[in-house]
Amino acid sequence: MGGKLHSLTDVLKKTLFFFEELSVAEMVPHVHRKMLRDYTQGQVEEKVLLCLRQNQCFNFDQKGWSLNLEGNRDNDHFYSILLKRQQPVSVREILKEGLNSRNKKKTKPLVSGEASLISDGRFIQLENGHWGLTEWEVEAEQYSLKELVIKVHKTHPGGLSVQQVFEIVNSWRATTIKAVEAMQKKFPFFEEIGDGIWVYNASIHLSYDQMMKKFLSAMNRQKDRWIKDRTRWKKKCEGMDRQLQEVSCTHREVAAALAAKIEETGQYDHLVTQMAEKDLLLSLRKKEIYRYREHLAKLESKANSILHQCRLWVKRAREYDDEREKLKEALNKNQASLEALFTKLQQYKEKDRENKGRMAEMKEISAVKTAELHSEIVELKQKLEKVIEIHGQEDKRYREEINILSNDLKEALESSEEAKRTMRFLQQELARTRSEFKKIEENIKSPLVKALIKVLSYFSGSGNRKVS
């Protein structure tokens, strides 16, 4: 049967068919060789365990996992077809054949479906989608010598000699008796019970696998630590190399700087000698310059004194000119002010003449008005005397009227007092009559008086009738 297997389920079916019973730890190395190479050992173990639990074709007991070869009865017809053809077949081809046969004659379908084939331990699927039988072409060469020896011992739990194990294993794959013997001596779960008879101990194998797993995990951790230390030391070495290169560069730079400094010192000495010569020349030149400066200073002092005198003369001349101009301006101002004062004086004289004429006119007018006022005052005095006389007469008349009215008021007050007295007397009489009336009413309310009144009223009524 050519072609690779389709899925992890098919790999597990093939492995369990060959070894009959295996634990998950025993299946993981083989699965890891076939597929899931990018996964770690723990991840592969999780995937294998999940696949075993999800598919019904795998059974679990105390010994380990095994493959259920009974299968689903609905797939027996497909199983017989594969046995007849002895080669992988596509489900679609079988379904087409089944449809054609059903058109001619009503029969059951040849295949129940791919899902039922996946859960059936008798069938495996290839990468091209074809289906085959698990029992076809068991490739024993793909398994390691250790796994084959374990299978031999599991099938013969009573024990076998090295020669017998070699013969069985050699029938599956080419090997040597020394390799088989070395394999059995290498692992502790192969025990020699005597006379060259070897047996397999599954519990020791399980504990050995656990110990190896722990040992490998510890070795991996140690390896990781070594790798980390190696990278750390490598980084340190690289850093030291960089520092060494920097130090060597600095040494070269320092040497170059020292050489340059030596050259500069030589140049400096040469320059110092040249500068000394130049300083000597400069000192001589300075002396000459100082002498010239002194001579120039003397000349400057003379020139400054002459210039100062000239400036004083110029200043005095300017002051005289300024004073003369100021006097001219003052004279012009005085002349202008005199002319203005003269014009004002003429104006004042004219105004004085006008005011005098007006004063004369005002005097005449005031004399006339005073005379008129005197006459008016006399008239007003006469009128005032008349008014005073009239008011005196009216005052007398008003006083007489007031006296008359006061007498009338007194009489009215006296009459009002008498009226009040009579009013009080009448009120007293009214109160007395009311009290008497109440007493009479009380007396009338008695039954005897009422009866007498009725009798009297009766008689008085009859007498009146007779008279009429």
Protein backbone atom coordinates (compact mmCIF):
# COMPACT_ATOMS: atom_id res chain seq x y z
CA MET A 1 0.00 0.00 0.00
CA GLY A 2 1.80 3.10 -1.25
CA GLY A 3 1.34 6.67 0.03
CA LYS A 4 1.53 8.49 3.33
CA LEU A 5 -1.10 8.34 6.02
CA HIS A 6 -3.66 11.12 6.16
CA SER A 7 -3.96 11.99 9.85
CA LEU A 8 -2.79 11.28 13.39
CA THR A 9 -5.66 8.82 13.84
CA ASP A 10 -4.38 6.69 10.97
CA VAL A 11 -0.83 6.70 12.38
CA LEU A 12 -2.14 5.57 15.77
CA LYS A 13 -4.25 2.85 14.13
CA LYS A 14 -1.25 1.51 12.26
CA THR A 15 0.99 1.61 15.33
CA LEU A 16 -1.51 -0.06 17.66
CA PHE A 17 -2.29 -2.71 15.05
CA PHE A 18 1.36 -3.67 14.94
CA PHE A 19 2.14 -3.45 18.67
CA GLU A 20 -1.38 -4.47 19.87
CA GLU A 21 -1.05 -2.59 23.20
CA LEU A 22 0.94 0.53 23.99
CA SER A 23 0.94 3.39 26.46
CA VAL A 24 0.80 7.02 25.39
CA ALA A 25 4.45 7.55 26.31
CA GLU A 26 5.44 4.61 24.06
CA MET A 27 3.42 5.94 21.13
CA VAL A 28 4.72 9.53 21.33
CA PRO A 29 8.27 8.89 19.94
CA HIS A 30 6.96 7.06 16.88
CA VAL A 31 4.30 9.72 16.20
CA HIS A 32 6.92 12.43 16.64
CA ARG A 33 9.05 10.76 13.96
CA LYS A 34 6.14 10.50 11.54
CA MET A 35 4.46 13.90 12.04
CA LEU A 36 4.13 16.89 14.41
CA ARG A 37 7.88 17.47 14.26
CA ASP A 38 7.49 21.17 15.05
CA TYR A 39 5.76 20.34 18.35
CA THR A 40 7.47 19.58 21.63
CA GLN A 41 7.29 16.17 23.33
CA GLY A 42 4.62 17.37 25.76
CA GLN A 43 2.47 18.91 23.03
CA VAL A 44 2.66 15.70 20.96
CA GLU A 45 1.62 13.69 24.01
CA GLU A 46 -1.42 15.96 24.53
CA LYS A 47 -2.44 15.62 20.87
CA VAL A 48 -2.09 11.81 20.96
CA LEU A 49 -4.09 11.50 24.18
CA LEU A 50 -6.85 13.75 22.81
CA CYS A 51 -7.06 11.72 19.59
CA LEU A 52 -7.22 8.43 21.50
CA ARG A 53 -10.06 9.68 23.69
CA GLN A 54 -12.11 11.14 20.85
CA ASN A 55 -12.15 8.02 18.62
CA GLN A 56 -14.20 4.97 19.53
CA CYS A 57 -11.87 2.57 17.75
CA PHE A 58 -9.29 2.92 20.56
CA ASN A 59 -9.79 1.03 23.82
CA PHE A 60 -8.04 1.60 27.11
CA ASP A 61 -7.38 -0.88 29.92
CA GLN A 62 -4.78 -1.46 32.63
CA LYS A 63 -2.16 -2.62 30.13
CA GLY A 64 -2.58 0.43 27.89
CA TRP A 65 -4.28 1.48 24.67
CA SER A 66 -5.34 -1.05 22.03
CA LEU A 67 -7.10 -1.02 18.67
CA ASN A 68 -10.65 -2.31 18.28
CA LEU A 69 -10.65 -4.41 15.09
CA GLU A 70 -14.28 -5.49 15.30
CA GLY A 71 -15.43 -2.28 13.67
CA ASN A 72 -18.85 -1.10 12.61
CA ARG A 73 -21.12 -3.69 10.98
CA ASP A 74 -22.32 -1.15 8.42
CA ASN A 75 -18.79 -1.06 6.99
CA ASP A 76 -18.45 -4.85 6.51
CA HIS A 77 -19.38 -4.63 2.84
CA PHE A 78 -16.69 -1.98 2.24
CA TYR A 79 -14.23 -4.19 4.16
CA SER A 80 -15.03 -7.15 1.87
CA ILE A 81 -14.56 -4.91 -1.20
CA LEU A 82 -11.09 -3.89 -0.01
CA LEU A 83 -10.19 -7.51 0.72
CA LYS A 84 -11.17 -8.47 -2.81
CA ARG A 85 -9.35 -5.62 -4.53
CA GLN A 86 -6.26 -5.64 -2.25
CA GLN A 87 -5.54 -1.97 -3.00
CA PRO A 88 -6.72 1.42 -1.68
CA VAL A 89 -10.05 2.62 -3.00
CA SER A 90 -11.78 6.02 -3.02
CA VAL A 91 -15.12 6.25 -1.26
CA ARG A 92 -16.54 8.32 -4.13
CA GLU A 93 -15.89 5.50 -6.60
CA ILE A 94 -17.64 3.04 -4.32
CA LEU A 95 -20.57 5.42 -3.89
CA LYS A 96 -20.86 5.87 -7.68
CA GLU A 97 -20.86 2.11 -8.15
CA GLY A 98 -23.44 1.80 -5.40
CA LEU A 99 -25.66 4.40 -7.07
CA ASN A 100 -25.44 2.63 -10.41
CA SER A 101 -26.29 -0.71 -8.84
CA ARG A 102 -29.15 0.84 -6.86
CA ASN A 103 -30.60 2.31 -10.03
CA LYS A 104 -30.71 -1.15 -11.51
CA LYS A 105 -31.73 -2.88 -8.31
CA LYS A 106 -32.78 -1.50 -4.96
CA THR A 107 -30.06 -2.43 -2.44
CA LYS A 108 -28.47 -0.95 0.65
CA PRO A 109 -25.62 1.60 0.22
CA LEU A 110 -22.14 0.10 0.05
CA VAL A 111 -20.58 2.69 2.43
CA SER A 112 -22.26 4.39 5.37
CA GLY A 113 -19.92 7.41 5.27
CA GLU A 114 -16.34 8.56 5.89
CA ALA A 115 -17.11 9.48 9.51
CA SER A 116 -17.94 5.86 10.30
CA LEU A 117 -14.74 4.73 8.52
CA ILE A 118 -12.64 7.08 10.67
CA SER A 119 -14.06 5.59 13.87
CA ASP A 120 -13.54 2.05 12.52
CA GLY A 121 -10.18 0.51 13.47
CA ARG A 122 -10.01 -1.68 10.37
CA PHE A 123 -9.61 1.23 7.93
CA ILE A 124 -6.97 3.89 7.40
CA GLN A 125 -6.99 6.89 5.06
CA LEU A 126 -4.13 7.99 2.81
CA GLU A 127 -3.15 11.53 1.80
CA ASN A 128 -4.77 11.15 -1.63
CA GLY A 129 -8.14 10.41 0.02
CA HIS A 130 -8.14 6.66 -0.70
CA TRP A 131 -9.00 4.17 2.00
CA GLY A 132 -7.16 0.97 2.83
CA LEU A 133 -7.02 -1.70 5.51
CA THR A 134 -4.95 -1.35 8.67
CA GLU A 135 -3.60 -4.88 8.29
CA TRP A 136 -2.02 -4.21 4.88
CA GLU A 137 1.76 -3.88 4.57
CA VAL A 138 2.85 -3.39 8.12
CA GLU A 139 6.13 -1.48 7.66
CA ALA A 140 8.24 -2.91 10.46
CA GLU A 141 11.37 -1.14 9.22
CA GLN A 142 10.03 2.22 10.32
CA TYR A 143 10.06 1.10 13.96
CA SER A 144 13.22 1.04 16.04
CA LEU A 145 14.94 -2.14 17.17
CA LYS A 146 13.94 -1.48 20.76
CA GLU A 147 10.24 -1.29 19.85
CA LEU A 148 10.46 -4.50 17.83
CA VAL A 149 12.20 -6.36 20.69
CA ILE A 150 9.53 -5.10 23.12
CA LYS A 151 6.81 -6.36 20.76
CA VAL A 152 8.47 -9.79 20.61
CA HIS A 153 8.64 -10.03 24.40
CA LYS A 154 5.04 -8.84 24.77
CA THR A 155 3.83 -11.56 22.41
CA HIS A 156 5.91 -14.12 24.38
CA PRO A 157 5.57 -13.15 28.05
CA GLY A 158 7.13 -16.43 29.20
CA GLY A 159 10.54 -15.37 27.94
CA LEU A 160 12.76 -16.00 24.91
CA SER A 161 16.41 -16.51 24.27
CA VAL A 162 18.51 -14.05 22.32
CA GLN A 163 18.53 -16.37 19.30
CA GLN A 164 14.75 -16.65 19.26
CA VAL A 165 14.31 -12.90 19.58
CA PHE A 166 16.83 -12.38 16.78
CA GLU A 167 14.99 -14.76 14.45
CA ILE A 168 11.63 -13.05 14.99
CA VAL A 169 13.02 -9.54 14.65
CA ASN A 170 15.08 -10.52 11.61
CA SER A 171 11.90 -11.64 9.91
CA TRP A 172 10.61 -8.08 10.19
CA ARG A 173 13.82 -6.18 9.46
CA ALA A 174 17.49 -7.02 8.90
CA THR A 175 19.58 -6.98 12.08
CA THR A 176 22.31 -8.91 13.92
CA ILE A 177 22.25 -11.06 17.01
CA LYS A 178 24.84 -8.83 18.66
CA ALA A 179 22.62 -5.80 18.17
CA VAL A 180 19.67 -7.64 19.74
CA GLU A 181 21.79 -8.81 22.67
CA ALA A 182 23.25 -5.34 23.17
CA MET A 183 19.76 -3.84 23.06
CA GLN A 184 18.49 -6.21 25.77
CA LYS A 185 21.52 -5.53 27.97
CA LYS A 186 21.30 -1.78 27.44
CA PHE A 187 17.85 -1.22 28.93
CA PRO A 188 16.92 -2.31 32.47
CA PHE A 189 13.35 -3.32 31.58
CA PHE A 190 14.77 -6.41 29.79
CA GLU A 191 15.55 -8.93 32.53
CA GLU A 192 17.49 -12.18 32.25
CA ILE A 193 15.74 -14.82 34.35
CA GLY A 194 18.35 -17.52 33.78
CA ASP A 195 19.93 -19.77 31.12
CA GLY A 196 19.91 -16.94 28.56
CA ILE A 197 16.14 -16.40 28.79
CA TRP A 198 15.05 -12.76 28.64
CA VAL A 199 11.70 -11.24 29.63
CA TYR A 200 10.15 -7.77 29.40
CA ASN A 201 8.98 -5.86 32.54
CA ALA A 202 6.41 -3.20 31.66
CA SER A 203 6.41 -1.53 35.10
CA ILE A 204 10.17 -1.07 34.98
CA HIS A 205 9.79 0.29 31.46
CA LEU A 206 7.22 2.81 32.67
CA SER A 207 9.39 3.95 35.56
CA TYR A 208 12.40 4.03 33.22
CA ASP A 209 10.51 6.27 30.79
CA GLN A 210 9.48 8.56 33.63
CA MET A 211 13.05 8.74 34.89
CA MET A 212 14.32 9.40 31.39
CA LYS A 213 11.71 12.09 30.92
CA LYS A 214 12.78 13.78 34.14
CA PHE A 215 16.43 13.34 33.20
CA LEU A 216 15.84 14.79 29.74
CA SER A 217 13.87 17.72 31.15
CA ALA A 218 16.70 18.37 33.62
CA MET A 219 19.23 18.08 30.81
CA ASN A 220 17.17 20.45 28.69
CA ARG A 221 17.03 22.93 31.54
CA GLN A 222 20.77 22.53 32.05
CA LYS A 223 21.25 22.95 28.32
CA ASP A 224 19.16 26.12 28.36
CA ARG A 225 21.22 27.42 31.27
CA TRP A 226 24.43 26.54 29.42
CA ILE A 227 23.15 28.28 26.31
CA LYS A 228 22.21 31.36 28.34
CA ASP A 229 25.60 31.34 30.09
CA ARG A 230 27.32 30.82 26.76
CA THR A 231 25.48 33.74 25.17
CA ARG A 232 26.15 35.87 28.24
CA TRP A 233 29.87 35.03 28.20
CA LYS A 234 29.91 35.49 24.46
CA LYS A 235 28.42 38.96 24.89
CA LYS A 236 30.97 39.67 27.61
CA CYS A 237 33.81 38.50 25.35
CA GLU A 238 32.48 40.63 22.53
CA GLY A 239 32.29 43.57 24.90
CA MET A 240 35.83 42.92 26.11
CA ASP A 241 37.00 42.66 22.49
CA ARG A 242 35.35 45.96 21.73
CA GLN A 243 36.93 47.50 24.82
CA LEU A 244 40.32 46.04 23.82
CA GLN A 245 39.96 47.47 20.35
CA GLU A 246 38.98 50.81 21.84
CA VAL A 247 41.99 50.69 24.20
CA SER A 248 44.33 49.82 21.33
CA CYS A 249 42.85 52.65 19.30
CA THR A 250 43.33 55.01 22.23
CA HIS A 251 46.95 53.78 22.62
CA ARG A 252 47.60 54.49 18.98
CA GLU A 253 45.97 57.87 19.30
CA VAL A 254 48.04 58.64 22.42
CA ALA A 255 51.26 57.61 20.62
CA ALA A 256 50.34 59.80 17.68
CA ALA A 257 49.48 62.62 20.08
CA LEU A 258 52.87 62.22 21.86
CA ALA A 259 54.71 62.31 18.54
CA ALA A 260 52.76 65.37 17.53
CA LYS A 261 53.50 66.92 20.92
CA ILE A 262 57.25 66.32 20.50
CA GLU A 263 57.13 67.95 17.08
CA GLU A 264 55.14 70.82 18.52
CA THR A 265 57.68 71.28 21.36
CA GLY A 266 60.50 71.50 18.77
CA GLN A 267 58.53 74.00 16.80
CA TYR A 268 57.74 75.83 20.02
CA ASP A 269 61.44 76.12 20.94
CA HIS A 270 62.24 77.40 17.47
CA LEU A 271 59.42 79.88 17.74
CA VAL A 272 60.63 80.93 21.21
CA THR A 273 64.07 81.80 19.83
CA GLN A 274 62.47 83.70 16.98
CA MET A 275 60.19 85.47 19.42
CA ALA A 276 63.19 86.42 21.61
CA GLU A 277 64.88 88.03 18.62
CA LYS A 278 61.68 89.76 17.69
CA ASP A 279 61.22 90.90 21.30
CA LEU A 280 64.67 92.51 21.22
CA LEU A 281 63.80 94.33 18.02
CA LEU A 282 60.45 95.28 19.45
CA SER A 283 62.06 96.66 22.62
CA LEU A 284 64.32 98.89 20.50
CA ARG A 285 61.36 99.94 18.43
CA LYS A 286 59.39 100.61 21.62
CA LYS A 287 62.12 102.90 22.94
CA GLU A 288 62.05 104.87 19.70
CA ILE A 289 58.27 104.94 19.81
CA TYR A 290 58.35 106.17 23.44
CA ARG A 291 60.76 108.94 22.46
CA TYR A 292 58.56 109.93 19.55
CA ARG A 293 55.54 109.78 21.84
CA GLU A 294 57.17 112.12 24.37
CA HIS A 295 58.04 114.57 21.60
CA LEU A 296 54.51 114.31 20.23
CA ALA A 297 53.10 114.77 23.73
CA LYS A 298 55.07 117.98 24.14
CA LEU A 299 53.91 119.21 20.76
CA GLU A 300 50.35 118.24 21.60
CA SER A 301 50.53 120.09 24.92
CA LYS A 302 51.75 123.24 23.13
CA ALA A 303 49.09 122.86 20.49
CA ASN A 304 46.46 122.28 23.15
CA SER A 305 47.49 125.43 25.04
CA ILE A 306 47.36 127.47 21.82
CA LEU A 307 44.06 125.87 20.93
CA HIS A 308 42.74 126.61 24.40
CA GLN A 309 43.64 130.26 24.10
CA CYS A 310 42.04 130.40 20.67
CA ARG A 311 38.93 128.78 22.02
CA LEU A 312 38.81 131.30 24.87
CA TRP A 313 39.11 134.18 22.40
CA VAL A 314 36.44 132.67 20.20
CA LYS A 315 34.24 132.08 23.21
CA ARG A 316 34.61 135.65 24.37
CA ALA A 317 33.87 136.97 20.87
CA ARG A 318 30.79 134.76 20.69
CA GLU A 319 29.67 135.98 24.12
CA TYR A 320 30.07 139.60 22.99
CA ASP A 321 28.09 138.85 19.86
CA ASP A 322 25.38 137.14 21.89
CA GLU A 323 25.15 140.06 24.31
CA ARG A 324 24.94 142.52 21.43
CA GLU A 325 22.21 140.51 19.78
CA LYS A 326 20.35 140.25 23.08
CA LEU A 327 20.58 144.02 23.55
CA LYS A 328 19.30 144.56 20.02
CA GLU A 329 16.40 142.22 20.68
CA ALA A 330 15.66 143.97 23.99
CA LEU A 331 15.78 147.37 22.26
CA ASN A 332 13.44 146.19 19.55
CA LYS A 333 11.10 144.74 22.15
CA ASN A 334 11.15 148.00 24.16
CA GLN A 335 10.40 150.05 21.08
CA ALA A 336 7.53 147.75 20.16
CA SER A 337 6.21 147.87 23.72
CA LEU A 338 6.46 151.70 23.76
CA GLU A 339 4.53 151.93 20.53
CA ALA A 340 1.91 149.57 21.90
CA LEU A 341 1.71 151.57 25.12
CA PHE A 342 1.35 154.81 23.16
CA THR A 343 -1.50 153.39 21.12
CA LYS A 344 -3.13 152.07 24.27
CA LEU A 345 -2.72 155.47 25.91
CA GLN A 346 -4.47 157.14 22.98
CA GLN A 347 -7.24 154.55 23.24
CA TYR A 348 -7.56 155.14 26.98
CA LYS A 349 -7.78 158.91 26.42
CA GLU A 350 -10.56 158.48 23.88
CA LYS A 351 -12.38 156.11 26.22
CA ASP A 352 -11.95 158.63 29.07
CA ARG A 353 -13.54 161.36 26.95
CA GLU A 354 -16.42 159.11 26.05
CA ASN A 355 -16.86 158.07 29.69
CA LYS A 356 -16.92 161.72 30.83
CA GLY A 357 -19.67 162.52 28.30
CA ARG A 358 -21.60 159.50 29.45
CA MET A 359 -21.14 160.54 33.10
CA ALA A 360 -22.64 163.94 32.40
CA GLU A 361 -25.59 162.37 30.66
CA MET A 362 -26.00 159.89 33.52
CA LYS A 363 -25.94 162.74 36.07
CA GLU A 364 -28.72 164.55 34.24
CA ILE A 365 -30.77 161.37 33.96
CA SER A 366 -30.18 160.54 37.63
CA ALA A 367 -31.28 164.05 38.71
CA VAL A 368 -34.51 163.69 36.76
CA LYS A 369 -35.13 160.24 38.16
CA THR A 370 -34.41 161.36 41.75
CA ALA A 371 -36.98 164.13 41.40
CA GLU A 372 -39.52 161.69 40.08
CA LEU A 373 -38.73 159.30 42.91
CA HIS A 374 -39.20 162.05 45.52
CA SER A 375 -42.62 162.87 44.13
CA GLU A 376 -43.58 159.19 44.06
CA ILE A 377 -42.39 158.75 47.67
CA VAL A 378 -44.58 161.65 48.83
CA GLU A 379 -47.59 160.18 47.07
CA LEU A 380 -46.91 156.76 48.54
CA LYS A 381 -46.65 158.23 52.05
CA GLN A 382 -50.04 159.87 51.64
CA LYS A 383 -51.57 156.65 50.37
CA LEU A 384 -50.01 154.76 53.28
CA GLU A 385 -51.54 157.13 55.83
CA LYS A 386 -54.95 156.67 54.23
CA VAL A 387 -54.59 152.91 54.23
CA ILE A 388 -53.55 152.96 57.90
CA GLU A 389 -56.65 154.96 58.82
CA ILE A 390 -58.90 152.58 56.88
CA HIS A 391 -57.28 149.56 58.52
CA GLY A 392 -57.72 151.13 61.99
CA GLN A 393 -61.43 151.58 61.38
CA GLU A 394 -61.80 148.03 60.08
CA ASP A 395 -59.88 146.75 63.09
CA LYS A 396 -62.26 148.47 65.45
CA ARG A 397 -65.25 147.06 63.60
CA TYR A 398 -63.75 143.54 63.64
CA ARG A 399 -63.10 143.79 67.38
CA GLU A 400 -66.70 144.79 68.04
CA GLU A 401 -67.92 141.85 65.95
CA ILE A 402 -65.60 139.52 67.84
CA ASN A 403 -67.01 140.69 71.17
CA ILE A 404 -70.56 140.13 69.92
CA LEU A 405 -69.69 136.66 68.64
CA SER A 406 -67.97 135.74 71.91
CA ASN A 407 -71.10 136.74 73.84
CA ASP A 408 -73.26 134.68 71.49
CA LEU A 409 -70.88 131.75 71.93
CA LYS A 410 -71.16 131.96 75.70
CA GLU A 411 -74.94 131.96 75.46
CA ALA A 412 -74.86 128.99 73.08
CA LEU A 413 -72.59 127.10 75.45
CA GLU A 414 -74.92 127.77 78.36
CA SER A 415 -77.93 126.62 76.31
CA SER A 416 -76.07 123.45 75.27
CA GLU A 417 -75.32 122.68 78.91
CA GLU A 418 -79.00 123.05 79.77
CA ALA A 419 -79.90 120.80 76.83
CA LYS A 420 -77.42 118.20 78.08
CA ARG A 421 -78.97 118.35 81.53
CA THR A 422 -82.46 117.88 80.13
CA MET A 423 -81.18 115.04 77.99
CA ARG A 424 -79.72 113.32 81.00
CA PHE A 425 -82.98 113.78 82.91
CA LEU A 426 -84.98 112.39 80.00
CA GLN A 427 -82.64 109.39 79.75
CA GLN A 428 -83.13 108.72 83.45
CA GLU A 429 -86.91 108.96 83.04
CA LEU A 430 -86.76 106.61 80.06
CA ALA A 431 -84.75 104.05 82.02
CA ARG A 432 -87.20 104.29 84.93
CA THR A 433 -90.20 103.82 82.62
CA ARG A 434 -88.52 100.85 80.94
CA SER A 435 -87.92 99.19 84.30
CA GLU A 436 -91.53 99.80 85.27
CA PHE A 437 -92.66 98.39 81.92
CA LYS A 438 -90.61 95.26 82.50
CA LYS A 439 -92.13 94.83 85.93
CA ILE A 440 -95.63 95.23 84.47
CA GLU A 441 -94.82 92.65 81.78
CA GLU A 442 -93.63 90.24 84.43
CA ASN A 443 -96.81 90.78 86.41
CA ILE A 444 -98.92 90.30 83.30
CA LYS A 445 -97.25 86.98 82.54
CA SER A 446 -98.83 85.35 85.63
CA PRO A 447 -101.97 83.21 84.80
CA LEU A 448 -104.30 85.09 87.15
CA VAL A 449 -103.54 88.44 85.62
CA LYS A 450 -103.97 86.98 82.13
CA ALA A 451 -107.36 85.59 83.11
CA LEU A 452 -108.47 88.93 84.59
CA ILE A 453 -107.33 90.75 81.49
CA LYS A 454 -109.31 88.42 79.30
CA VAL A 455 -112.39 88.88 81.46
CA LEU A 456 -111.99 92.63 81.45
CA SER A 457 -111.42 92.66 77.76
CA TYR A 458 -114.50 90.53 77.26
CA PHE A 459 -116.68 92.79 79.35
CA SER A 460 -115.27 95.88 77.83
CA GLY A 461 -115.95 94.43 74.40
CA SER A 462 -119.59 93.55 75.19
CA GLY A 463 -120.25 97.00 76.69
CA ASN A 464 -118.92 98.64 73.61
CA ARG A 465 -121.22 96.53 71.48
CA LYS A 466 -124.24 97.57 73.55
CA VAL A 467 -123.38 101.17 73.39
CA SER A 468 -123.06 100.89 69.69
